[in-house]
C-alpha atoms as a PDB file:
ATOM      1  CA  UNK A   1     -64.221 -56.511 -26.577  1.00  0.00           C
ATOM      2  CA  UNK A   2     -62.513 -53.368 -25.339  1.00  0.00           C
ATOM      3  CA  UNK A   3     -59.270 -52.925 -27.320  1.00  0.00           C
ATOM      4  CA  UNK A   4     -57.148 -52.419 -24.260  1.00  0.00           C
ATOM      5  CA  UNK A   5     -58.112 -55.821 -22.815  1.00  0.00           C
ATOM      6  CA  UNK A   6     -55.948 -58.903 -23.595  1.00  0.00           C
ATOM      7  CA  UNK A   7     -57.692 -62.212 -24.322  1.00  0.00           C
ATOM      8  CA  UNK A   8     -56.948 -64.940 -22.005  1.00  0.00           C
ATOM      9  CA  UNK A   9     -59.551 -67.783 -22.915  1.00  0.00           C
ATOM     10  CA  UNK A  10     -62.920 -68.438 -23.995  1.00  0.00           C
ATOM     11  CA  UNK A  11     -65.555 -68.458 -21.410  1.00  0.00           C
ATOM     12  CA  UNK A  12     -66.715 -72.022 -22.330  1.00  0.00           C
ATOM     13  CA  UNK A  13     -62.920 -73.174 -21.542  1.00  0.00           C
ATOM     14  CA  UNK A  14     -63.753 -72.808 -17.684  1.00  0.00           C
ATOM     15  CA  UNK A  15     -66.057 -75.213 -16.062  1.00  0.00           C
ATOM     16  CA  UNK A  16     -67.407 -74.454 -12.680  1.00  0.00           C
ATOM     17  CA  UNK A  17     -64.777 -75.616 -10.028  1.00  0.00           C
ATOM     18  CA  UNK A  18     -62.774 -77.497 -12.755  1.00  0.00           C
ATOM     19  CA  UNK A  19     -59.559 -77.051 -14.294  1.00  0.00           C
ATOM     20  CA  UNK A  20     -58.088 -73.444 -14.486  1.00  0.00           C
ATOM     21  CA  UNK A  21     -56.455 -71.608 -17.401  1.00  0.00           C
ATOM     22  CA  UNK A  22     -52.902 -70.319 -16.739  1.00  0.00           C
ATOM     23  CA  UNK A  23     -51.223 -67.344 -18.642  1.00  0.00           C
ATOM     24  CA  UNK A  24     -47.917 -65.540 -18.453  1.00  0.00           C
ATOM     25  CA  UNK A  25     -47.999 -61.985 -17.377  1.00  0.00           C
ATOM     26  CA  UNK A  26     -45.448 -59.086 -16.807  1.00  0.00           C
ATOM     27  CA  UNK A  27     -46.205 -58.185 -13.181  1.00  0.00           C
ATOM     28  CA  UNK A  28     -44.318 -55.007 -12.313  1.00  0.00           C
ATOM     29  CA  UNK A  29     -40.718 -55.826 -12.621  1.00  0.00           C
ATOM     30  CA  UNK A  30     -40.831 -59.633 -13.414  1.00  0.00           C
ATOM     31  CA  UNK A  31     -42.416 -62.287 -15.626  1.00  0.00           C
ATOM     32  CA  UNK A  32     -44.787 -64.575 -13.675  1.00  0.00           C
ATOM     33  CA  UNK A  33     -47.996 -66.693 -14.153  1.00  0.00           C
ATOM     34  CA  UNK A  34     -51.548 -65.944 -13.483  1.00  0.00           C
ATOM     35  CA  UNK A  35     -54.638 -68.175 -13.480  1.00  0.00           C
ATOM     36  CA  UNK A  36     -58.417 -67.856 -13.939  1.00  0.00           C
ATOM     37  CA  UNK A  37     -61.011 -70.255 -12.742  1.00  0.00           C
ATOM     38  CA  UNK A  38     -64.748 -70.376 -12.548  1.00  0.00           C
ATOM     39  CA  UNK A  39     -66.369 -70.362  -9.168  1.00  0.00           C
ATOM     40  CA  UNK A  40     -70.111 -69.711  -8.350  1.00  0.00           C
ATOM     41  CA  UNK A  41     -70.680 -68.967 -12.102  1.00  0.00           C
ATOM     42  CA  UNK A  42     -68.171 -66.188 -12.215  1.00  0.00           C
ATOM     43  CA  UNK A  43     -64.510 -66.175 -13.475  1.00  0.00           C
ATOM     44  CA  UNK A  44     -61.737 -65.106 -11.086  1.00  0.00           C
ATOM     45  CA  UNK A  45     -58.233 -64.310 -11.711  1.00  0.00           C
ATOM     46  CA  UNK A  46     -55.106 -64.391  -9.453  1.00  0.00           C
ATOM     47  CA  UNK A  47     -51.446 -64.378  -9.566  1.00  0.00           C
ATOM     48  CA  UNK A  48     -50.424 -67.983  -9.465  1.00  0.00           C
ATOM     49  CA  UNK A  49     -48.455 -67.547  -6.108  1.00  0.00           C
ATOM     50  CA  UNK A  50     -49.180 -68.644  -2.600  1.00  0.00           C
ATOM     51  CA  UNK A  51     -49.624 -65.765  -0.244  1.00  0.00           C
ATOM     52  CA  UNK A  52     -47.204 -67.671   2.098  1.00  0.00           C
ATOM     53  CA  UNK A  53     -44.287 -67.881  -0.394  1.00  0.00           C
ATOM     54  CA  UNK A  54     -44.186 -66.979  -3.996  1.00  0.00           C
ATOM     55  CA  UNK A  55     -44.620 -70.668  -5.250  1.00  0.00           C
ATOM     56  CA  UNK A  56     -47.201 -71.853  -7.767  1.00  0.00           C
ATOM     57  CA  UNK A  57     -50.502 -73.208  -6.370  1.00  0.00           C
ATOM     58  CA  UNK A  58     -51.283 -75.732  -8.878  1.00  0.00           C
ATOM     59  CA  UNK A  59     -49.922 -79.321  -8.596  1.00  0.00           C
ATOM     60  CA  UNK A  60     -50.624 -80.093 -12.208  1.00  0.00           C
ATOM     61  CA  UNK A  61     -51.054 -77.242 -14.812  1.00  0.00           C
ATOM     62  CA  UNK A  62     -54.466 -75.770 -14.162  1.00  0.00           C
ATOM     63  CA  UNK A  63     -55.291 -77.889 -11.184  1.00  0.00           C
ATOM     64  CA  UNK A  64     -56.127 -75.278  -8.482  1.00  0.00           C
ATOM     65  CA  UNK A  65     -59.291 -76.536  -6.663  1.00  0.00           C
ATOM     66  CA  UNK A  66     -59.287 -78.931  -3.533  1.00  0.00           C
ATOM     67  CA  UNK A  67     -60.801 -82.273  -4.148  1.00  0.00           C
ATOM     68  CA  UNK A  68     -64.355 -81.270  -2.916  1.00  0.00           C
ATOM     69  CA  UNK A  69     -64.106 -78.059  -5.196  1.00  0.00           C
ATOM     70  CA  UNK A  70     -64.795 -75.687  -2.390  1.00  0.00           C
ATOM     71  CA  UNK A  71     -61.405 -73.980  -2.064  1.00  0.00           C
ATOM     72  CA  UNK A  72     -58.244 -73.158  -4.052  1.00  0.00           C
ATOM     73  CA  UNK A  73     -55.230 -75.037  -2.575  1.00  0.00           C
ATOM     74  CA  UNK A  74     -51.665 -74.505  -2.626  1.00  0.00           C
ATOM     75  CA  UNK A  75     -50.077 -77.784  -3.614  1.00  0.00           C
ATOM     76  CA  UNK A  76     -46.977 -76.982  -1.544  1.00  0.00           C
ATOM     77  CA  UNK A  77     -48.153 -75.806   1.827  1.00  0.00           C
ATOM     78  CA  UNK A  78     -51.843 -76.987   1.636  1.00  0.00           C
ATOM     79  CA  UNK A  79     -53.159 -73.408   2.261  1.00  0.00           C
ATOM     80  CA  UNK A  80     -56.773 -73.080   1.404  1.00  0.00           C
ATOM     81  CA  UNK A  81     -58.159 -69.941  -0.200  1.00  0.00           C
ATOM     82  CA  UNK A  82     -61.636 -68.823  -1.008  1.00  0.00           C
ATOM     83  CA  UNK A  83     -62.044 -69.177  -4.717  1.00  0.00           C
ATOM     84  CA  UNK A  84     -64.220 -66.017  -4.926  1.00  0.00           C
ATOM     85  CA  UNK A  85     -62.086 -63.502  -2.993  1.00  0.00           C
ATOM     86  CA  UNK A  86     -58.517 -65.176  -2.856  1.00  0.00           C
ATOM     87  CA  UNK A  87     -58.678 -64.710   0.956  1.00  0.00           C
ATOM     88  CA  UNK A  88     -56.491 -67.331   2.842  1.00  0.00           C
ATOM     89  CA  UNK A  89     -58.807 -69.531   5.050  1.00  0.00           C
ATOM     90  CA  UNK A  90     -56.285 -71.664   6.573  1.00  0.00           C
ATOM     91  CA  UNK A  91     -52.537 -72.519   6.385  1.00  0.00           C
ATOM     92  CA  UNK A  92     -49.353 -70.521   6.665  1.00  0.00           C
ATOM     93  CA  UNK A  93     -50.469 -67.491   4.798  1.00  0.00           C
ATOM     94  CA  UNK A  94     -51.948 -66.026   8.111  1.00  0.00           C
ATOM     95  CA  UNK A  95     -55.155 -64.538   6.587  1.00  0.00           C
ATOM     96  CA  UNK A  96     -53.448 -62.879   3.611  1.00  0.00           C
ATOM     97  CA  UNK A  97     -54.975 -63.138   0.195  1.00  0.00           C
ATOM     98  CA  UNK A  98     -53.840 -64.092  -3.270  1.00  0.00           C
ATOM     99  CA  UNK A  99     -53.093 -61.086  -5.635  1.00  0.00           C
ATOM    100  CA  UNK A 100     -56.245 -60.427  -7.687  1.00  0.00           C
ATOM    101  CA  UNK A 101     -55.878 -59.720 -11.410  1.00  0.00           C
ATOM    102  CA  UNK A 102     -58.547 -57.584 -13.024  1.00  0.00           C
ATOM    103  CA  UNK A 103     -60.451 -59.370 -15.718  1.00  0.00           C
ATOM    104  CA  UNK A 104     -63.733 -58.984 -17.604  1.00  0.00           C
ATOM    105  CA  UNK A 105     -65.902 -61.805 -19.136  1.00  0.00           C
ATOM    106  CA  UNK A 106     -67.980 -60.633 -22.077  1.00  0.00           C
ATOM    107  CA  UNK A 107     -69.119 -61.996 -25.423  1.00  0.00           C
ATOM    108  CA  UNK A 108     -67.750 -65.333 -24.740  1.00  0.00           C
ATOM    109  CA  UNK A 109     -64.067 -64.087 -23.864  1.00  0.00           C
ATOM    110  CA  UNK A 110     -62.366 -63.745 -20.540  1.00  0.00           C
ATOM    111  CA  UNK A 111     -59.832 -60.843 -20.832  1.00  0.00           C
ATOM    112  CA  UNK A 112     -57.208 -59.406 -18.679  1.00  0.00           C
ATOM    113  CA  UNK A 113     -57.411 -55.635 -18.206  1.00  0.00           C
ATOM    114  CA  UNK A 114     -54.008 -54.237 -18.053  1.00  0.00           C
ATOM    115  CA  UNK A 115     -53.111 -52.138 -15.037  1.00  0.00           C
ATOM    116  CA  UNK A 116     -50.106 -50.076 -14.218  1.00  0.00           C
ATOM    117  CA  UNK A 117     -47.173 -52.704 -14.250  1.00  0.00           C
ATOM    118  CA  UNK A 118     -49.366 -55.755 -15.132  1.00  0.00           C
ATOM    119  CA  UNK A 119     -49.521 -56.858 -18.815  1.00  0.00           C
ATOM    120  CA  UNK A 120     -50.283 -60.208 -20.653  1.00  0.00           C
ATOM    121  CA  UNK A 121     -47.345 -61.833 -22.173  1.00  0.00           C
ATOM    122  CA  UNK A 122     -48.916 -65.057 -23.643  1.00  0.00           C
ATOM    123  CA  UNK A 123     -51.509 -67.929 -22.951  1.00  0.00           C
ATOM    124  CA  UNK A 124     -50.987 -71.483 -23.393  1.00  0.00           C
ATOM    125  CA  UNK A 125     -52.201 -72.977 -26.600  1.00  0.00           C
ATOM    126  CA  UNK A 126     -55.530 -74.911 -25.928  1.00  0.00           C
END
């Protein structure tokens, strides 16, 4: 694991189209939440904010997928997002996308790669 990366969770903690893992980050000038999910075998991480309004997507902690497992869904507005790209497919977000967070998955670990203004603060205890 590269020393600049920050551990989020173990790879085995993410099940395909299952419960996501949330974590707290410093995002530019504020503290907020990010999340990581597994879709089509790959881990994807986003800011936990709807592209329409800065409200958390999950209706229960870690519950980001629609019932059929095909989309990420905003619990407040019902907007549907592509899990692989974060692109809004329908809803009030008018084609905008979720903010993507840069992660790596290596040696059984999923890690956040800090960028300018983005740093991991904490992860929930599993």
